[in-house]
């Protein structure tokens, strides 16, 4: 339930949220909760956002620096 609430808040279109065009979100992790969170964000009611999923912080930093 908390994950759904977090997703709702993060996609409200507020400044600094995941729907802010200045923000480029990346999901870091490998657990089932990471997968569930990504699925939540991809739902139409949460703006159908698609985030890259990276397994480690080190790989995330490499990804971010190349963007």
Protein backbone atom coordinates (compact mmCIF):
# COMPACT_ATOMS: atom_id res chain seq x y z
CA UNK A 1 0.00 0.00 0.00
CA UNK A 2 2.86 2.40 0.79
CA UNK A 3 4.37 1.82 -2.64
CA UNK A 4 1.10 2.79 -4.31
CA UNK A 5 0.84 5.96 -2.22
CA UNK A 6 4.43 6.91 -3.02
CA UNK A 7 3.73 6.39 -6.71
CA UNK A 8 0.63 8.59 -6.52
CA UNK A 9 2.55 11.43 -4.89
CA UNK A 10 5.55 11.09 -7.22
CA UNK A 11 3.39 11.39 -10.34
CA UNK A 12 1.19 14.34 -9.38
CA UNK A 13 2.97 16.67 -11.78
CA UNK A 14 4.49 18.83 -9.08
CA UNK A 15 7.82 20.57 -9.52
CA UNK A 16 10.58 18.08 -8.80
CA UNK A 17 8.31 15.05 -9.24
CA UNK A 18 8.91 12.21 -11.66
CA UNK A 19 6.63 13.92 -14.20
CA UNK A 20 8.69 17.14 -14.13
CA UNK A 21 10.46 17.20 -17.52
CA UNK A 22 13.66 18.41 -15.83
CA UNK A 23 13.84 15.20 -13.76
CA UNK A 24 15.25 11.98 -15.22
CA UNK A 25 14.48 9.16 -12.80
CA UNK A 26 16.37 5.87 -12.63
CA UNK A 27 15.33 2.87 -10.54
CA UNK A 28 18.20 1.16 -8.72
CA UNK A 29 17.94 -2.35 -7.31
CA UNK A 30 17.18 -5.97 -8.04
CA UNK A 31 14.55 -7.06 -5.53
CA UNK A 32 10.91 -7.88 -6.17
CA UNK A 33 9.96 -4.49 -4.71
CA UNK A 34 11.97 -2.71 -7.39
CA UNK A 35 10.09 -4.65 -10.06
CA UNK A 36 6.75 -3.91 -8.41
CA UNK A 37 7.59 -0.21 -8.16
CA UNK A 38 8.51 -0.06 -11.83
CA UNK A 39 5.27 -1.82 -12.77
CA UNK A 40 3.33 0.76 -10.72
CA UNK A 41 4.97 3.70 -12.48
CA UNK A 42 4.25 2.15 -15.89
CA UNK A 43 0.48 2.04 -15.25
CA UNK A 44 -1.59 4.60 -17.20
CA UNK A 45 -3.09 6.07 -14.01
CA UNK A 46 0.45 6.97 -12.90
CA UNK A 47 1.38 8.75 -16.17
CA UNK A 48 2.74 5.58 -17.84
CA UNK A 49 6.31 6.52 -16.99
CA UNK A 50 9.18 4.31 -18.08
CA UNK A 51 12.39 4.38 -16.07
CA UNK A 52 15.62 2.57 -16.74
CA UNK A 53 16.29 -0.06 -14.08
CA UNK A 54 19.90 -0.52 -13.02
CA UNK A 55 21.17 -3.14 -10.57
CA UNK A 56 23.90 -1.15 -8.78
CA UNK A 57 24.64 2.42 -7.78
CA UNK A 58 27.96 2.25 -9.62
CA UNK A 59 26.20 1.32 -12.89
CA UNK A 60 23.61 4.03 -12.23
CA UNK A 61 26.32 6.68 -11.96
CA UNK A 62 27.85 5.51 -15.25
CA UNK A 63 24.40 5.68 -16.88
CA UNK A 64 23.68 9.14 -15.45
CA UNK A 65 27.02 10.54 -16.56
CA UNK A 66 26.44 9.42 -20.14
CA UNK A 67 23.04 11.08 -20.37
